[in-house]
PDB file of N, CA and C in Angstrom:
ATOM      1  N   MET A   1     -12.965  -7.189   7.480  1.00  0.00           N
ATOM      2  CA  MET A   1     -11.560  -6.168   7.781  1.00  0.00           C
ATOM      3  C   MET A   1     -10.764  -6.828   5.900  1.00  0.00           C
ATOM      4  N   PHE A   2      -9.824  -6.439   5.955  1.00  0.00           N
ATOM      5  CA  PHE A   2      -8.582  -6.471   4.755  1.00  0.00           C
ATOM      6  C   PHE A   2      -8.382  -8.483   5.008  1.00  0.00           C
ATOM      7  N   LYS A   3      -8.402  -8.665   3.662  1.00  0.00           N
ATOM      8  CA  LYS A   3      -7.472  -9.920   3.299  1.00  0.00           C
ATOM      9  C   LYS A   3      -6.606  -9.621   3.004  1.00  0.00           C
ATOM     10  N   GLU A   4      -5.684 -10.936   2.121  1.00  0.00           N
ATOM     11  CA  GLU A   4      -4.423 -10.771   1.532  1.00  0.00           C
ATOM     12  C   GLU A   4      -4.976 -10.888   0.378  1.00  0.00           C
ATOM     13  N   HIS A   5      -4.189  -9.905  -0.366  1.00  0.00           N
ATOM     14  CA  HIS A   5      -4.284  -9.705  -1.861  1.00  0.00           C
ATOM     15  C   HIS A   5      -5.096  -9.242  -2.705  1.00  0.00           C
ATOM     16  N   GLU A   6      -6.154  -8.343  -1.431  1.00  0.00           N
ATOM     17  CA  GLU A   6      -7.363  -7.449  -1.567  1.00  0.00           C
ATOM     18  C   GLU A   6      -5.357  -6.566  -1.691  1.00  0.00           C
ATOM     19  N   GLN A   7      -6.435  -5.029  -2.986  1.00  0.00           N
ATOM     20  CA  GLN A   7      -6.015  -3.681  -2.898  1.00  0.00           C
ATOM     21  C   GLN A   7      -6.099  -3.003  -1.550  1.00  0.00           C
ATOM     22  N   ILE A   8      -5.581  -1.910  -1.058  1.00  0.00           N
ATOM     23  CA  ILE A   8      -5.718  -0.818  -0.703  1.00  0.00           C
ATOM     24  C   ILE A   8      -5.561   0.428  -0.871  1.00  0.00           C
ATOM     25  N   VAL A   9      -5.764   1.950   0.004  1.00  0.00           N
ATOM     26  CA  VAL A   9      -5.694   3.154  -0.647  1.00  0.00           C
ATOM     27  C   VAL A   9      -5.208   3.505   1.188  1.00  0.00           C
ATOM     28  N   LEU A  10      -3.356   3.634   0.768  1.00  0.00           N
ATOM     29  CA  LEU A  10      -3.543   4.472   1.936  1.00  0.00           C
ATOM     30  C   LEU A  10      -3.817   5.566   2.134  1.00  0.00           C
ATOM     31  N   THR A  11      -4.195   6.085   3.672  1.00  0.00           N
ATOM     32  CA  THR A  11      -4.803   7.802   4.055  1.00  0.00           C
ATOM     33  C   THR A  11      -3.860   8.135   4.652  1.00  0.00           C
ATOM     34  N   ALA A  12      -3.336   7.767   5.297  1.00  0.00           N
ATOM     35  CA  ALA A  12      -1.998   8.671   5.735  1.00  0.00           C
ATOM     36  C   ALA A  12      -0.784   7.947   5.724  1.00  0.00           C
ATOM     37  N   GLU A  13       0.711   9.062   5.455  1.00  0.00           N
ATOM     38  CA  GLU A  13       2.297   8.443   4.824  1.00  0.00           C
ATOM     39  C   GLU A  13       2.529   7.826   5.780  1.00  0.00           C
ATOM     40  N   VAL A  14       2.728   6.136   4.914  1.00  0.00           N
ATOM     41  CA  VAL A  14       3.430   5.952   5.648  1.00  0.00           C
ATOM     42  C   VAL A  14       5.343   5.766   5.598  1.00  0.00           C
ATOM     43  N   PHE A  15       5.513   4.559   5.985  1.00  0.00           N
ATOM     44  CA  PHE A  15       7.253   4.446   5.266  1.00  0.00           C
ATOM     45  C   PHE A  15       7.641   2.961   4.703  1.00  0.00           C
ATOM     46  N   GLY A  16       7.993   2.958   3.605  1.00  0.00           N
ATOM     47  CA  GLY A  16       8.082   1.383   2.771  1.00  0.00           C
ATOM     48  C   GLY A  16       9.467   0.619   4.607  1.00  0.00           C
ATOM     49  N   ASP A  17       9.271  -0.372   4.609  1.00  0.00           N
ATOM     50  CA  ASP A  17      10.777  -0.873   4.863  1.00  0.00           C
ATOM     51  C   ASP A  17      11.908  -0.559   4.993  1.00  0.00           C
ATOM     52  N   ASP A  18      12.537  -0.022   3.211  1.00  0.00           N
ATOM     53  CA  ASP A  18      13.848   0.014   3.291  1.00  0.00           C
ATOM     54  C   ASP A  18      13.418   1.342   3.174  1.00  0.00           C
ATOM     55  N   GLY A  19      12.564   2.560   3.977  1.00  0.00           N
ATOM     56  CA  GLY A  19      12.502   3.384   4.296  1.00  0.00           C
ATOM     57  C   GLY A  19      11.941   4.760   3.138  1.00  0.00           C
ATOM     58  N   GLU A  20      11.332   4.320   1.958  1.00  0.00           N
ATOM     59  CA  GLU A  20      10.226   4.757   0.707  1.00  0.00           C
ATOM     60  C   GLU A  20       9.362   5.228   1.746  1.00  0.00           C
ATOM     61  N   GLU A  21       8.991   7.148   1.377  1.00  0.00           N
ATOM     62  CA  GLU A  21       7.784   7.492   1.212  1.00  0.00           C
ATOM     63  C   GLU A  21       6.272   7.527   0.148  1.00  0.00           C
ATOM     64  N   LEU A  22       5.952   6.604   1.408  1.00  0.00           N
ATOM     65  CA  LEU A  22       4.907   7.103   0.456  1.00  0.00           C
ATOM     66  C   LEU A  22       3.513   7.520   1.105  1.00  0.00           C
ATOM     67  N   LYS A  23       2.370   8.108   0.035  1.00  0.00           N
ATOM     68  CA  LYS A  23       1.832   8.937   0.110  1.00  0.00           C
ATOM     69  C   LYS A  23       0.212   8.580   0.681  1.00  0.00           C
ATOM     70  N   PRO A  24      -0.994   9.366   1.285  1.00  0.00           N
ATOM     71  CA  PRO A  24      -1.943   8.896   0.758  1.00  0.00           C
ATOM     72  C   PRO A  24      -2.280   8.977  -0.580  1.00  0.00           C
ATOM     73  N   GLY A  25      -3.211   7.612  -0.561  1.00  0.00           N
ATOM     74  CA  GLY A  25      -4.318   8.040  -2.023  1.00  0.00           C
ATOM     75  C   GLY A  25      -3.312   6.946  -3.670  1.00  0.00           C
ATOM     76  N   ASP A  26      -1.718   6.730  -2.111  1.00  0.00           N
ATOM     77  CA  ASP A  26      -0.714   5.235  -2.980  1.00  0.00           C
ATOM     78  C   ASP A  26      -2.236   4.134  -3.061  1.00  0.00           C
ATOM     79  N   VAL A  27      -2.345   3.467  -3.787  1.00  0.00           N
ATOM     80  CA  VAL A  27      -2.628   1.866  -3.825  1.00  0.00           C
ATOM     81  C   VAL A  27      -2.093   0.802  -3.556  1.00  0.00           C
ATOM     82  N   GLY A  28      -1.782  -0.509  -2.749  1.00  0.00           N
ATOM     83  CA  GLY A  28      -0.666  -1.591  -2.632  1.00  0.00           C
ATOM     84  C   GLY A  28      -2.092  -2.529  -2.764  1.00  0.00           C
ATOM     85  N   THR A  29      -1.179  -3.673  -3.076  1.00  0.00           N
ATOM     86  CA  THR A  29      -1.933  -4.723  -2.572  1.00  0.00           C
ATOM     87  C   THR A  29      -1.081  -5.960  -1.106  1.00  0.00           C
ATOM     88  N   ILE A  30      -2.316  -6.242  -0.338  1.00  0.00           N
ATOM     89  CA  ILE A  30      -2.243  -6.528   1.140  1.00  0.00           C
ATOM     90  C   ILE A  30      -1.456  -8.220   0.207  1.00  0.00           C
ATOM     91  N   ILE A  31      -0.200  -8.139   1.084  1.00  0.00           N
ATOM     92  CA  ILE A  31       0.504  -9.667  -0.332  1.00  0.00           C
ATOM     93  C   ILE A  31       0.515 -10.578   2.059  1.00  0.00           C
ATOM     94  N   HIS A  32       0.580 -10.205   2.620  1.00  0.00           N
ATOM     95  CA  HIS A  32       0.894 -10.682   4.509  1.00  0.00           C
ATOM     96  C   HIS A  32      -0.347  -9.894   5.482  1.00  0.00           C
ATOM     97  N   ALA A  33      -1.397 -11.176   5.496  1.00  0.00           N
ATOM     98  CA  ALA A  33      -1.938 -10.180   6.872  1.00  0.00           C
ATOM     99  C   ALA A  33      -1.287 -10.974   8.564  1.00  0.00           C
ATOM    100  N   HIS A  34      -0.804 -10.309   8.918  1.00  0.00           N
ATOM    101  CA  HIS A  34      -0.426 -10.661  10.809  1.00  0.00           C
ATOM    102  C   HIS A  34      -1.358 -10.925  11.958  1.00  0.00           C
ATOM    103  N   PRO A  35      -0.833 -12.007  12.727  1.00  0.00           N
ATOM    104  CA  PRO A  35      -2.255 -12.360  13.327  1.00  0.00           C
ATOM    105  C   PRO A  35      -3.115 -11.475  14.192  1.00  0.00           C
ATOM    106  N   ASP A  36      -3.802 -11.876  14.227  1.00  0.00           N
ATOM    107  CA  ASP A  36      -5.414 -11.334  14.376  1.00  0.00           C
ATOM    108  C   ASP A  36      -5.313  -9.914  13.652  1.00  0.00           C
ATOM    109  N   LYS A  37      -5.354  -9.959  12.638  1.00  0.00           N
ATOM    110  CA  LYS A  37      -5.218  -8.976  11.421  1.00  0.00           C
ATOM    111  C   LYS A  37      -4.407  -7.759  12.007  1.00  0.00           C
ATOM    112  N   GLU A  38      -3.893  -7.065  13.333  1.00  0.00           N
ATOM    113  CA  GLU A  38      -2.974  -5.707  13.882  1.00  0.00           C
ATOM    114  C   GLU A  38      -2.020  -4.724  12.677  1.00  0.00           C
ATOM    115  N   ALA A  39      -1.697  -6.090  11.738  1.00  0.00           N
ATOM    116  CA  ALA A  39      -0.925  -4.751  11.025  1.00  0.00           C
ATOM    117  C   ALA A  39      -1.647  -5.635   9.501  1.00  0.00           C
ATOM    118  N   PHE A  40      -0.526  -4.862   7.946  1.00  0.00           N
ATOM    119  CA  PHE A  40      -0.608  -6.147   7.517  1.00  0.00           C
ATOM    120  C   PHE A  40       1.070  -5.416   5.875  1.00  0.00           C
ATOM    121  N   MET A  41       1.394  -6.112   5.602  1.00  0.00           N
ATOM    122  CA  MET A  41       2.832  -6.417   5.063  1.00  0.00           C
ATOM    123  C   MET A  41       1.527  -5.668   3.295  1.00  0.00           C
ATOM    124  N   VAL A  42       2.599  -4.703   2.995  1.00  0.00           N
ATOM    125  CA  VAL A  42       1.926  -4.449   2.001  1.00  0.00           C
ATOM    126  C   VAL A  42       2.718  -3.580   0.916  1.00  0.00           C
ATOM    127  N   GLU A  43       2.427  -4.312  -0.506  1.00  0.00           N
ATOM    128  CA  GLU A  43       3.751  -4.161  -1.828  1.00  0.00           C
ATOM    129  C   GLU A  43       2.513  -2.999  -2.667  1.00  0.00           C
ATOM    130  N   PHE A  44       3.405  -2.322  -2.844  1.00  0.00           N
ATOM    131  CA  PHE A  44       3.464  -0.689  -3.755  1.00  0.00           C
ATOM    132  C   PHE A  44       3.674  -1.374  -4.835  1.00  0.00           C
ATOM    133  N   MET A  45       3.241  -0.780  -6.324  1.00  0.00           N
ATOM    134  CA  MET A  45       3.648  -1.508  -7.228  1.00  0.00           C
ATOM    135  C   MET A  45       3.711  -0.205  -8.102  1.00  0.00           C
ATOM    136  N   SER A  46       4.780  -0.074  -9.032  1.00  0.00           N
ATOM    137  CA  SER A  46       5.122   1.051 -10.497  1.00  0.00           C
ATOM    138  C   SER A  46       3.784   0.900 -11.667  1.00  0.00           C
ATOM    139  N   LEU A  47       3.324   1.287 -12.026  1.00  0.00           N
ATOM    140  CA  LEU A  47       1.930   0.603 -13.142  1.00  0.00           C
ATOM    141  C   LEU A  47       2.520   0.044 -14.063  1.00  0.00           C
ATOM    142  N   ASP A  48       4.044  -0.209 -14.226  1.00  0.00           N
ATOM    143  CA  ASP A  48       4.243  -1.080 -15.269  1.00  0.00           C
ATOM    144  C   ASP A  48       4.657  -2.886 -14.631  1.00  0.00           C
ATOM    145  N   GLY A  49       4.480  -2.372 -13.217  1.00  0.00           N
ATOM    146  CA  GLY A  49       4.275  -4.122 -12.515  1.00  0.00           C
ATOM    147  C   GLY A  49       5.987  -3.962 -11.480  1.00  0.00           C
ATOM    148  N   GLY A  50       6.817  -2.847 -11.648  1.00  0.00           N
ATOM    149  CA  GLY A  50       7.861  -3.416 -10.605  1.00  0.00           C
ATOM    150  C   GLY A  50       7.732  -2.672  -9.085  1.00  0.00           C
ATOM    151  N   THR A  51       8.210  -3.439  -8.005  1.00  0.00           N
ATOM    152  CA  THR A  51       7.845  -3.300  -6.762  1.00  0.00           C
ATOM    153  C   THR A  51       8.370  -1.836  -6.914  1.00  0.00           C
ATOM    154  N   VAL A  52       7.718  -1.287  -5.800  1.00  0.00           N
ATOM    155  CA  VAL A  52       8.431   0.173  -5.307  1.00  0.00           C
ATOM    156  C   VAL A  52       8.873   0.129  -3.815  1.00  0.00           C
ATOM    157  N   ALA A  53       7.790  -0.312  -3.514  1.00  0.00           N
ATOM    158  CA  ALA A  53       7.300  -0.857  -1.854  1.00  0.00           C
ATOM    159  C   ALA A  53       7.377  -1.449  -0.933  1.00  0.00           C
ATOM    160  N   ILE A  54       8.072  -2.394   0.189  1.00  0.00           N
ATOM    161  CA  ILE A  54       7.046  -2.868   0.552  1.00  0.00           C
ATOM    162  C   ILE A  54       6.859  -2.418   2.163  1.00  0.00           C
ATOM    163  N   ALA A  55       5.689  -1.979   2.249  1.00  0.00           N
ATOM    164  CA  ALA A  55       5.012  -1.412   4.043  1.00  0.00           C
ATOM    165  C   ALA A  55       4.771  -2.061   4.710  1.00  0.00           C
ATOM    166  N   THR A  56       4.388  -2.656   5.996  1.00  0.00           N
ATOM    167  CA  THR A  56       4.151  -2.637   7.096  1.00  0.00           C
ATOM    168  C   THR A  56       3.296  -1.226   7.271  1.00  0.00           C
ATOM    169  N   VAL A  57       1.830  -2.062   7.801  1.00  0.00           N
ATOM    170  CA  VAL A  57       0.858  -0.372   7.590  1.00  0.00           C
ATOM    171  C   VAL A  57      -0.141  -1.830   8.393  1.00  0.00           C
ATOM    172  N   LEU A  58      -1.075  -0.423   9.539  1.00  0.00           N
ATOM    173  CA  LEU A  58      -2.184  -0.301  10.884  1.00  0.00           C
ATOM    174  C   LEU A  58      -3.175  -0.651   9.922  1.00  0.00           C
ATOM    175  N   PRO A  59      -4.113  -1.334  10.460  1.00  0.00           N
ATOM    176  CA  PRO A  59      -5.840  -0.982   9.311  1.00  0.00           C
ATOM    177  C   PRO A  59      -5.831   0.523   9.950  1.00  0.00           C
ATOM    178  N   ALA A  60      -5.107   1.078  10.798  1.00  0.00           N
ATOM    179  CA  ALA A  60      -5.790   2.450  10.697  1.00  0.00           C
ATOM    180  C   ALA A  60      -5.344   3.497   9.805  1.00  0.00           C
ATOM    181  N   GLN A  61      -4.395   3.548   8.557  1.00  0.00           N
ATOM    182  CA  GLN A  61      -3.486   3.521   8.308  1.00  0.00           C
ATOM    183  C   GLN A  61      -4.291   3.228   6.064  1.00  0.00           C
ATOM    184  N   VAL A  62      -5.075   2.847   6.456  1.00  0.00           N
ATOM    185  CA  VAL A  62      -5.672   2.341   4.917  1.00  0.00           C
ATOM    186  C   VAL A  62      -7.069   1.834   5.441  1.00  0.00           C
ATOM    187  N   ARG A  63      -7.409   2.442   3.755  1.00  0.00           N
ATOM    188  CA  ARG A  63      -8.912   1.947   3.616  1.00  0.00           C
ATOM    189  C   ARG A  63      -9.233   0.666   2.810  1.00  0.00           C
ATOM    190  N   PRO A  64     -10.569   0.046   1.834  1.00  0.00           N
ATOM    191  CA  PRO A  64     -10.570  -0.445   0.962  1.00  0.00           C
ATOM    192  C   PRO A  64     -10.988   0.597  -0.286  1.00  0.00           C
ATOM    193  N   VAL A  65      -9.720  -0.665  -1.969  1.00  0.00           N
ATOM    194  CA  VAL A  65     -10.394   0.889  -2.263  1.00  0.00           C
ATOM    195  C   VAL A  65     -12.110   0.647  -2.722  1.00  0.00           C
ATOM    196  N   THR A  66     -12.598   1.338  -4.224  1.00  0.00           N
ATOM    197  CA  THR A  66     -14.113   1.815  -3.829  1.00  0.00           C
ATOM    198  C   THR A  66     -13.924   2.038  -5.611  1.00  0.00           C
ATOM    199  N   GLY A  67     -15.538   1.609  -6.277  1.00  0.00           N
ATOM    200  CA  GLY A  67     -15.586   2.211  -7.634  1.00  0.00           C
ATOM    201  C   GLY A  67     -15.744   3.766  -7.630  1.00  0.00           C
ATOM    202  N   ALA A  68     -15.640   4.358  -6.881  1.00  0.00           N
ATOM    203  CA  ALA A  68     -15.295   6.038  -6.770  1.00  0.00           C
ATOM    204  C   ALA A  68     -13.412   6.576  -6.956  1.00  0.00           C
ATOM    205  N   ASP A  69     -12.492   5.423  -7.091  1.00  0.00           N
ATOM    206  CA  ASP A  69     -11.981   5.459  -7.165  1.00  0.00           C
ATOM    207  C   ASP A  69     -10.719   6.190  -8.126  1.00  0.00           C
ATOM    208  N   LEU A  70      -9.785   7.372  -8.833  1.00  0.00           N
ATOM    209  CA  LEU A  70      -9.418   6.939 -10.187  1.00  0.00           C
ATOM    210  C   LEU A  70      -7.535   7.018  -9.820  1.00  0.00           C
ATOM    211  N   THR A  71      -7.322   6.337 -10.528  1.00  0.00           N
ATOM    212  CA  THR A  71      -5.945   5.891 -10.588  1.00  0.00           C
ATOM    213  C   THR A  71      -4.969   7.775 -10.739  1.00  0.00           C
ATOM    214  N   HIS A  72      -4.192   7.463 -10.465  1.00  0.00           N
ATOM    215  CA  HIS A  72      -3.606   9.139 -10.033  1.00  0.00           C
ATOM    216  C   HIS A  72      -1.604   8.224 -10.569  1.00  0.00           C
ATOM    217  N   ALA A  73      -1.002   8.854 -11.237  1.00  0.00           N
ATOM    218  CA  ALA A  73      -0.001   8.841 -11.603  1.00  0.00           C
ATOM    219  C   ALA A  73       0.997  10.309 -10.831  1.00  0.00           C
ATOM    220  N   ARG A  74       1.881   9.551  -9.960  1.00  0.00           N
ATOM    221  CA  ARG A  74       3.451  10.192  -9.623  1.00  0.00           C
ATOM    222  C   ARG A  74       5.117   9.292  -8.877  1.00  0.00           C
ATOM    223  N   THR A  75       5.697  10.768  -9.637  1.00  0.00           N
ATOM    224  CA  THR A  75       7.102   9.817  -9.888  1.00  0.00           C
ATOM    225  C   THR A  75       7.728   9.464  -8.515  1.00  0.00           C
ATOM    226  N   VAL A  76       7.972   7.919  -8.680  1.00  0.00           N
ATOM    227  CA  VAL A  76       9.078   7.786  -6.969  1.00  0.00           C
ATOM    228  C   VAL A  76      10.634   8.506  -7.717  1.00  0.00           C
ATOM    229  N   THR A  77      11.769   8.495  -6.529  1.00  0.00           N
ATOM    230  CA  THR A  77      12.807   8.106  -6.446  1.00  0.00           C
ATOM    231  C   THR A  77      13.217   6.830  -7.587  1.00  0.00           C
ATOM    232  N   ALA A  78      13.016   5.711  -6.103  1.00  0.00           N
ATOM    233  CA  ALA A  78      13.436   4.645  -6.715  1.00  0.00           C
ATOM    234  C   ALA A  78      12.508   3.819  -6.787  1.00  0.00           C
ATOM    235  N   ALA A  79      13.024   2.141  -7.157  1.00  0.00           N
ATOM    236  CA  ALA A  79      11.338   0.670  -6.968  1.00  0.00           C
ATOM    237  C   ALA A  79      12.325   0.060  -6.613  1.00  0.00           C
ATOM    238  N   LEU A  80      12.379  -0.632  -5.942  1.00  0.00           N
ATOM    239  CA  LEU A  80      13.209  -2.396  -5.731  1.00  0.00           C
ATOM    240  C   LEU A  80      13.448  -3.152  -6.536  1.00  0.00           C
TER     241      LEU A  80
END
C-alpha cells in the first residue's frame, strides 16, 4: 500500500481541502497517512515548487507513479 513521502497519481476528480479542483492525472506527494491507511493527506505542487492544494484522498482515488508516466502541465487558477 501507499506510504508517506510517496508520489501518487489521481485516478478520480477530487477537491482540495480549500475547494481546489484536482483532476485525474494530477501528481501529488503523500504527506500523512491516516490510521489504518483508510485515507491520505496529499500535497499537490506546481512545477516551480509552490503548493497548489492539499487534499485528503481515499486509496481508491489514487495509483502509484510508474516508469511509464509522463509529466504534463496544466494551468490552475490559484496556489496557496
